[in-house]
Protein backbone atom coordinates (compact mmCIF):
# COMPACT_ATOMS: atom_id res chain seq x y z
CA MET A 1 -111.30 -50.63 -28.26
CA GLN A 2 -111.30 -47.49 -26.62
CA PHE A 3 -110.05 -49.24 -23.65
CA ILE A 4 -107.26 -50.75 -25.61
CA GLN A 5 -106.61 -47.54 -27.21
CA LYS A 6 -106.64 -45.93 -23.91
CA LEU A 7 -104.38 -48.59 -22.60
CA MET A 8 -102.14 -48.20 -25.56
CA ASN A 9 -102.19 -44.53 -25.22
CA ASN A 10 -101.39 -44.93 -21.62
CA ASN A 11 -98.75 -47.43 -22.46
CA VAL A 12 -97.35 -45.24 -25.19
CA HIS A 13 -97.66 -42.32 -22.96
CA LEU A 14 -95.88 -44.27 -20.30
CA LYS A 15 -93.25 -45.37 -22.76
CA LEU A 16 -92.97 -41.85 -24.02
CA HIS A 17 -92.76 -40.62 -20.50
CA ASN A 18 -90.10 -43.21 -19.80
CA VAL A 19 -88.27 -42.31 -22.96
CA ILE A 20 -88.62 -38.62 -22.24
CA SER A 21 -87.59 -39.00 -18.65
CA HIS A 22 -84.76 -41.23 -19.76
CA TYR A 23 -83.92 -38.68 -22.41
CA ASP A 24 -84.22 -35.95 -19.80
CA PHE A 25 -82.04 -37.90 -17.46
CA ASN A 26 -79.57 -38.53 -20.23
CA LEU A 27 -79.97 -34.93 -21.24
CA LYS A 28 -79.42 -33.88 -17.69
CA LYS A 29 -76.63 -36.34 -17.55
CA SER A 30 -75.19 -35.09 -20.80
CA HIS A 31 -75.83 -31.49 -19.75
CA SER A 32 -74.13 -32.09 -16.49
CA ALA A 33 -71.41 -33.93 -18.38
CA GLN A 34 -71.02 -30.91 -20.58
CA VAL A 35 -71.03 -28.65 -17.59
CA TYR A 36 -68.61 -31.00 -15.89
CA SER A 37 -66.44 -31.12 -18.96
CA GLN A 38 -66.63 -27.35 -19.17
CA LYS A 39 -65.83 -27.18 -15.52
CA CYS A 40 -62.99 -29.62 -16.11
CA LYS A 41 -61.83 -27.58 -19.05
CA LEU A 42 -62.13 -24.42 -16.97
CA LYS A 43 -60.35 -26.18 -14.16
CA GLN A 44 -57.67 -27.38 -16.56
CA GLN A 45 -57.44 -23.90 -18.01
CA SER A 46 -57.31 -22.40 -14.55
CA ASP A 47 -54.80 -25.07 -13.52
CA THR A 48 -52.78 -24.30 -16.65
CA THR A 49 -53.14 -20.57 -16.01
CA LEU A 50 -52.27 -21.11 -12.39
CA HIS A 51 -49.34 -23.29 -13.41
CA LEU A 52 -48.22 -20.66 -15.94
CA SER A 53 -48.65 -17.87 -13.43
CA LEU A 54 -46.68 -19.91 -10.89
CA LEU A 55 -43.99 -20.52 -13.49
CA LEU A 56 -43.94 -16.81 -14.34
CA ALA A 57 -43.78 -15.95 -10.66
CA LYS A 58 -40.91 -18.41 -10.20
CA GLN A 59 -39.14 -16.99 -13.23
CA ARG A 60 -39.65 -13.46 -11.94
CA GLN A 61 -38.40 -14.53 -8.54
CA ARG A 62 -35.33 -16.19 -10.13
CA ALA A 63 -34.73 -13.10 -12.24
CA ARG A 64 -35.03 -10.92 -9.15
CA ALA A 65 -32.77 -13.28 -7.20
CA ASN A 66 -30.24 -13.25 -10.06
CA ALA A 67 -30.44 -9.46 -10.29
CA ALA A 68 -30.11 -9.18 -6.51
CA GLY A 69 -27.16 -11.61 -6.63
CA LYS A 70 -25.50 -9.54 -9.33
CA ILE A 71 -26.09 -6.33 -7.37
CA GLN A 72 -24.79 -7.96 -4.18
CA ALA A 73 -21.73 -9.33 -6.02
CA TRP A 74 -21.06 -5.89 -7.50
CA TRP A 75 -21.43 -4.26 -4.08
CA ARG A 76 -19.20 -6.86 -2.41
CA GLY A 77 -16.64 -6.37 -5.17
CA THR A 78 -16.84 -2.60 -4.68
CA LEU A 79 -16.37 -3.02 -0.92
CA VAL A 80 -13.44 -5.39 -1.44
CA ARG A 81 -11.83 -3.03 -3.98
CA ARG A 82 -12.40 -0.10 -1.64
CA THR A 83 -10.92 -2.06 1.26
CA LEU A 84 -7.96 -3.08 -0.88
CA LEU A 85 -7.52 0.50 -2.04
CA VAL A 86 -7.57 1.76 1.54
CA ALA A 87 -5.12 -0.98 2.56
CA ALA A 88 -2.87 -0.15 -0.40
CA LEU A 89 -2.97 3.57 0.46
CA ARG A 90 -2.17 2.83 4.08
CA ALA A 91 0.69 0.53 3.04
CA TRP A 92 1.93 3.25 0.68
CA MET A 93 1.79 5.82 3.49
CA ILE A 94 3.68 3.46 5.81
CA GLN A 95 6.28 2.86 3.08
CA ILE A 96 6.69 6.61 2.56
CA TRP A 97 7.01 7.12 6.32
CA TRP A 98 9.55 4.29 6.56
CA ARG A 99 11.60 5.58 3.60
CA THR A 100 11.57 9.08 5.10
CA LEU A 101 12.60 7.71 8.49
CA THR A 102 15.43 5.61 7.02
CA TRP A 103 16.54 8.56 4.85
CA ARG A 104 16.64 10.82 7.93
CA LEU A 105 18.57 8.19 9.89
CA LEU A 106 20.99 7.81 6.98
CA GLN A 107 21.42 11.60 6.81
CA ARG A 108 22.06 11.70 10.57
CA LYS A 109 24.64 8.91 10.25
CA ARG A 110 26.30 10.68 7.32
CA ARG A 111 26.34 13.95 9.23
CA ALA A 112 27.74 12.22 12.33
CA ALA A 113 30.37 10.47 10.19
CA LEU A 114 31.25 13.78 8.51
CA ILE A 115 31.50 15.55 11.88
CA THR A 116 33.62 12.70 13.26
CA TYR A 117 35.85 12.80 10.18
CA ALA A 118 36.17 16.59 10.38
CA ASP A 119 36.96 16.45 14.11
CA ARG A 120 39.52 13.71 13.52
CA GLU A 121 41.13 15.65 10.67
CA ARG A 122 41.13 18.83 12.75
CA ALA A 123 42.76 16.93 15.63
CA VAL A 124 45.36 15.42 13.29
CA VAL A 125 46.14 18.81 11.77
CA LYS A 126 46.34 20.36 15.23
CA LEU A 127 48.64 17.56 16.43
CA GLN A 128 50.85 17.89 13.36
CA SER A 129 50.95 21.63 13.88
CA LEU A 130 51.92 21.19 17.53
CA VAL A 131 54.63 18.65 16.62
CA ARG A 132 56.06 20.96 13.96
CA MET A 133 55.94 23.89 16.37
CA TRP A 134 57.66 21.86 19.06
CA ARG A 135 60.41 20.69 16.63
CA ILE A 136 61.00 24.22 15.35
CA HIS A 137 60.98 25.52 18.90
CA TRP A 138 63.50 22.82 19.88
CA ARG A 139 65.75 23.74 16.93
CA TYR A 140 65.38 27.39 17.76
CA CYS A 141 66.37 26.68 21.34
CA GLN A 142 69.44 24.73 20.10
CA VAL A 143 70.48 27.64 17.86
CA LEU A 144 69.83 30.13 20.65
CA ASN A 145 72.00 28.09 23.01
CA ALA A 146 74.71 28.00 20.37
CA ILE A 147 74.48 31.78 19.97
CA TYR A 148 74.71 32.26 23.75
CA ILE A 149 77.77 30.07 23.85
CA ILE A 150 79.41 31.99 21.01
CA GLN A 151 78.49 35.31 22.58
CA CYS A 152 79.93 34.21 25.89
CA HIS A 153 83.20 33.19 24.24
CA TRP A 154 83.44 36.48 22.42
CA LYS A 155 82.72 38.47 25.52
CA CYS A 156 85.29 36.53 27.44
CA GLN A 157 88.03 37.29 24.93
CA ASN A 158 87.70 41.05 25.54
CA CYS A 159 87.31 41.76 21.96
CA GLN A 160 90.97 41.30 21.05
CA THR A 161 90.09 41.57 17.48
CA CYS A 162 87.27 43.73 16.55
CA ALA A 163 85.49 41.41 14.25
CA LEU A 164 81.93 41.60 13.16
CA LEU A 165 79.50 38.77 13.36
CA ARG A 166 76.93 38.40 10.65
CA GLY A 167 74.18 35.76 11.10
CA HIS A 168 71.78 34.21 8.66
CA CYS A 169 68.92 31.88 9.62
CA VAL A 170 66.92 29.57 7.28
CA VAL A 171 63.89 27.66 8.58
CA THR A 172 62.78 24.56 6.63
CA ALA A 173 60.11 21.97 7.36
CA ASP A 174 62.37 19.49 9.06
CA HIS A 175 65.25 21.58 10.40
CA LEU A 176 66.60 25.06 11.12
CA GLN A 177 69.80 26.32 9.44
CA PHE A 178 71.80 29.06 11.05
CA HIS A 179 74.93 30.53 9.42
CA ILE A 180 77.24 32.75 11.35
CA GLU A 181 80.05 34.60 9.59
CA ILE A 182 82.91 36.28 11.35
CA ILE A 183 84.18 39.25 9.39
CA ASN A 184 87.59 40.76 10.32
CA PRO A 185 88.14 44.32 9.23
């Protein structure tokens, strides 16, 4: 009986050992499963954290890229506006220069036309003056010839009658009038 008991004890002990070892194995298995699950959870959490951090990094990078794009667009706009302003100022300066140049040329042409007109008028007045002078001189010469003729006739007659000659001369624009009166005493 002891033997049986011993055998039973051994058997029980063996069964217990098997159960315990199986339990230990399952425990180890379950422990490792828990550790694995914890590791998986940690890995999932780290993956999620990593994913979130990557998303945040991408969002930050997009935000920086957008901010950089806005700054670059502002700077390009400023450069374009500055270039356009410089071009507009240069065009304005060229327009002022051109208007001044055309105004000076116009003033020179006006002055030349005025000088030409004044010279032409002066020449016309001078010519008219010379023509009038020549006509008056011609009339004067006619009257002077007439006076010489009359004087010659009077001198030739030996002054038979002592008459007096009285002359009167009127000069007009187009002719010369000369009146001679013979007065007998």
